[in-house]
Amino acid sequence: MSDKKKKPHFLDEYEGGEYLGNIWGWKFSFISLAVITLLSLYVLYRYSTQELPKEPTHQEPIPKKDIDE
């Protein structure tokens, strides 16, 4: 087999910008997708079940103006 016909290593560049493939593997990609999905669901659950405060936690003091002006 000649050097031109040999398939290049996945880190080598292909001529013409050809797709190099998934270097991490599909198993890792699906595990990452599951982790992202579970964390997103947890954030959505916590956001929907949190209690809203009845009073604001911080209020700016309102300066009083003189009424006699």
N, C-alpha and C. Protein backbone atom coordinates (compact mmCIF):
# COMPACT_ATOMS: atom_id res chain seq x y z
N MET A 1 0.85 -1.17 0.00
CA MET A 1 0.00 0.00 0.00
C MET A 1 0.90 1.24 0.00
N SER A 2 0.61 2.17 -0.85
CA SER A 2 1.43 3.37 -0.93
C SER A 2 1.06 4.34 0.20
N ASP A 3 1.92 5.32 0.43
CA ASP A 3 1.68 6.28 1.50
C ASP A 3 0.48 7.18 1.21
N LYS A 4 0.18 7.42 -0.06
CA LYS A 4 -0.95 8.27 -0.40
C LYS A 4 -2.29 7.57 -0.16
N LYS A 5 -2.33 6.27 -0.31
CA LYS A 5 -3.57 5.51 -0.12
C LYS A 5 -3.83 5.18 1.35
N LYS A 6 -2.79 5.29 2.18
CA LYS A 6 -2.92 4.93 3.58
C LYS A 6 -3.82 5.95 4.30
N LYS A 7 -4.71 5.45 5.13
CA LYS A 7 -5.60 6.32 5.88
C LYS A 7 -4.80 7.07 6.94
N PRO A 8 -4.89 8.41 6.98
CA PRO A 8 -4.10 9.16 7.97
C PRO A 8 -4.65 8.96 9.39
N HIS A 9 -3.78 9.17 10.35
CA HIS A 9 -4.17 9.11 11.75
C HIS A 9 -5.22 10.20 12.00
N PHE A 10 -6.10 10.01 13.02
CA PHE A 10 -7.20 10.97 13.21
C PHE A 10 -6.72 12.36 13.59
N LEU A 11 -5.50 12.49 14.12
CA LEU A 11 -4.99 13.81 14.45
C LEU A 11 -4.30 14.48 13.27
N ASP A 12 -3.97 13.69 12.26
CA ASP A 12 -3.36 14.26 11.06
C ASP A 12 -4.43 15.01 10.26
N GLU A 13 -3.98 15.99 9.51
CA GLU A 13 -4.93 16.75 8.71
C GLU A 13 -5.22 16.03 7.40
N TYR A 14 -6.48 16.03 7.04
CA TYR A 14 -6.89 15.51 5.73
C TYR A 14 -6.82 16.65 4.74
N GLU A 15 -6.61 16.31 3.50
CA GLU A 15 -6.63 17.34 2.47
C GLU A 15 -8.07 17.72 2.19
N GLY A 16 -8.33 19.00 2.03
CA GLY A 16 -9.67 19.46 1.70
C GLY A 16 -10.56 19.65 2.92
N GLY A 17 -10.02 19.59 4.14
CA GLY A 17 -10.82 19.83 5.34
C GLY A 17 -11.86 18.76 5.60
N GLU A 18 -11.56 17.51 5.32
CA GLU A 18 -12.49 16.40 5.51
C GLU A 18 -12.75 16.18 7.01
N TYR A 19 -13.94 15.69 7.33
CA TYR A 19 -14.34 15.43 8.71
C TYR A 19 -13.40 14.41 9.35
N LEU A 20 -12.87 14.74 10.52
CA LEU A 20 -11.90 13.87 11.18
C LEU A 20 -12.55 12.81 12.06
N GLY A 21 -13.78 13.01 12.44
CA GLY A 21 -14.46 12.03 13.28
C GLY A 21 -14.52 12.47 14.73
N ASN A 22 -15.19 11.68 15.53
CA ASN A 22 -15.36 11.95 16.95
C ASN A 22 -14.17 11.35 17.69
N ILE A 23 -13.24 12.22 18.15
CA ILE A 23 -12.01 11.71 18.77
C ILE A 23 -12.25 11.16 20.17
N TRP A 24 -13.34 11.54 20.84
CA TRP A 24 -13.63 11.05 22.18
C TRP A 24 -14.41 9.75 22.17
N GLY A 25 -15.04 9.43 21.09
CA GLY A 25 -15.85 8.21 21.02
C GLY A 25 -17.30 8.50 21.36
N TRP A 26 -18.19 7.67 20.84
CA TRP A 26 -19.62 7.91 21.02
C TRP A 26 -20.09 7.60 22.43
N LYS A 27 -19.45 6.66 23.11
CA LYS A 27 -19.84 6.33 24.48
C LYS A 27 -19.64 7.54 25.39
N PHE A 28 -18.50 8.21 25.27
CA PHE A 28 -18.24 9.41 26.05
C PHE A 28 -19.23 10.52 25.71
N SER A 29 -19.57 10.65 24.44
CA SER A 29 -20.51 11.69 24.01
C SER A 29 -21.90 11.46 24.61
N PHE A 30 -22.35 10.21 24.63
CA PHE A 30 -23.67 9.92 25.19
C PHE A 30 -23.68 10.07 26.70
N ILE A 31 -22.59 9.72 27.37
CA ILE A 31 -22.51 9.93 28.82
C ILE A 31 -22.54 11.43 29.13
N SER A 32 -21.84 12.23 28.36
CA SER A 32 -21.85 13.68 28.55
C SER A 32 -23.24 14.25 28.30
N LEU A 33 -23.93 13.75 27.29
CA LEU A 33 -25.30 14.20 27.01
C LEU A 33 -26.21 13.86 28.19
N ALA A 34 -26.06 12.69 28.78
CA ALA A 34 -26.87 12.29 29.93
C ALA A 34 -26.59 13.19 31.13
N VAL A 35 -25.33 13.52 31.37
CA VAL A 35 -24.98 14.39 32.50
C VAL A 35 -25.57 15.79 32.30
N ILE A 36 -25.45 16.33 31.11
CA ILE A 36 -26.00 17.66 30.83
C ILE A 36 -27.52 17.66 30.98
N THR A 37 -28.18 16.61 30.49
CA THR A 37 -29.63 16.51 30.60
C THR A 37 -30.07 16.41 32.06
N LEU A 38 -29.39 15.58 32.84
CA LEU A 38 -29.75 15.42 34.26
C LEU A 38 -29.55 16.72 35.03
N LEU A 39 -28.46 17.41 34.79
CA LEU A 39 -28.23 18.68 35.48
C LEU A 39 -29.24 19.74 35.06
N SER A 40 -29.63 19.75 33.79
CA SER A 40 -30.65 20.70 33.32
C SER A 40 -32.00 20.41 33.97
N LEU A 41 -32.35 19.13 34.08
CA LEU A 41 -33.60 18.77 34.75
C LEU A 41 -33.58 19.14 36.22
N TYR A 42 -32.43 18.97 36.88
CA TYR A 42 -32.31 19.33 38.29
C TYR A 42 -32.48 20.84 38.48
N VAL A 43 -31.86 21.63 37.62
CA VAL A 43 -31.99 23.09 37.70
C VAL A 43 -33.44 23.50 37.47
N LEU A 44 -34.10 22.89 36.49
CA LEU A 44 -35.50 23.20 36.22
C LEU A 44 -36.38 22.83 37.41
N TYR A 45 -36.13 21.67 38.02
CA TYR A 45 -36.90 21.25 39.20
C TYR A 45 -36.70 22.21 40.37
N ARG A 46 -35.45 22.59 40.65
CA ARG A 46 -35.19 23.50 41.77
C ARG A 46 -35.79 24.88 41.51
N TYR A 47 -35.76 25.34 40.29
CA TYR A 47 -36.33 26.64 39.95
C TYR A 47 -37.85 26.62 40.13
N SER A 48 -38.49 25.53 39.75
CA SER A 48 -39.94 25.48 39.83
C SER A 48 -40.46 25.20 41.24
N THR A 49 -39.65 24.65 42.13
CA THR A 49 -40.12 24.32 43.48
C THR A 49 -39.64 25.28 44.55
N GLN A 50 -38.85 26.27 44.21
CA GLN A 50 -38.37 27.18 45.25
C GLN A 50 -39.49 28.11 45.69
N GLU A 51 -39.43 28.48 46.97
CA GLU A 51 -40.44 29.39 47.51
C GLU A 51 -40.01 30.83 47.24
N LEU A 52 -40.97 31.62 46.86
CA LEU A 52 -40.69 33.03 46.62
C LEU A 52 -40.79 33.79 47.94
N PRO A 53 -39.90 34.70 48.20
CA PRO A 53 -39.98 35.48 49.44
C PRO A 53 -41.20 36.39 49.41
N LYS A 54 -41.85 36.51 50.56
CA LYS A 54 -43.05 37.36 50.64
C LYS A 54 -42.68 38.83 50.67
N GLU A 55 -41.53 39.15 51.21
CA GLU A 55 -41.05 40.53 51.24
C GLU A 55 -39.73 40.61 50.49
N PRO A 56 -39.46 41.73 49.88
CA PRO A 56 -38.18 41.87 49.19
C PRO A 56 -37.02 41.73 50.18
N THR A 57 -35.95 41.16 49.74
CA THR A 57 -34.81 40.96 50.63
C THR A 57 -34.02 42.25 50.84
N HIS A 58 -34.11 43.17 49.91
CA HIS A 58 -33.38 44.43 50.03
C HIS A 58 -34.19 45.54 49.39
N GLN A 59 -34.30 46.65 50.12
CA GLN A 59 -34.96 47.82 49.57
C GLN A 59 -34.06 49.02 49.75
N GLU A 60 -33.99 49.81 48.73
CA GLU A 60 -33.24 51.06 48.82
C GLU A 60 -34.04 52.04 49.67
N PRO A 61 -33.39 52.74 50.56
CA PRO A 61 -34.13 53.74 51.35
C PRO A 61 -34.59 54.88 50.45
N ILE A 62 -35.84 55.28 50.67
CA ILE A 62 -36.41 56.37 49.87
C ILE A 62 -36.18 57.67 50.64
N PRO A 63 -35.48 58.62 50.03
CA PRO A 63 -35.22 59.89 50.75
C PRO A 63 -36.52 60.69 50.85
N LYS A 64 -36.72 61.26 52.03
CA LYS A 64 -37.94 62.05 52.25
C LYS A 64 -37.68 63.48 51.78
N LYS A 65 -38.64 64.02 51.05
CA LYS A 65 -38.54 65.40 50.59
C LYS A 65 -39.34 66.27 51.54
N ASP A 66 -38.91 67.51 51.65
CA ASP A 66 -39.66 68.45 52.48
C ASP A 66 -40.95 68.81 51.81
N ILE A 67 -42.03 68.72 52.51
CA ILE A 67 -43.34 69.02 51.93
C ILE A 67 -43.55 70.54 51.85
N ASP A 68 -42.81 71.32 52.67
CA ASP A 68 -43.02 72.77 52.72
C ASP A 68 -42.44 73.52 51.52
N GLU A 69 -41.76 72.87 50.65
CA GLU A 69 -41.13 73.59 49.54
C GLU A 69 -42.06 74.21 48.62
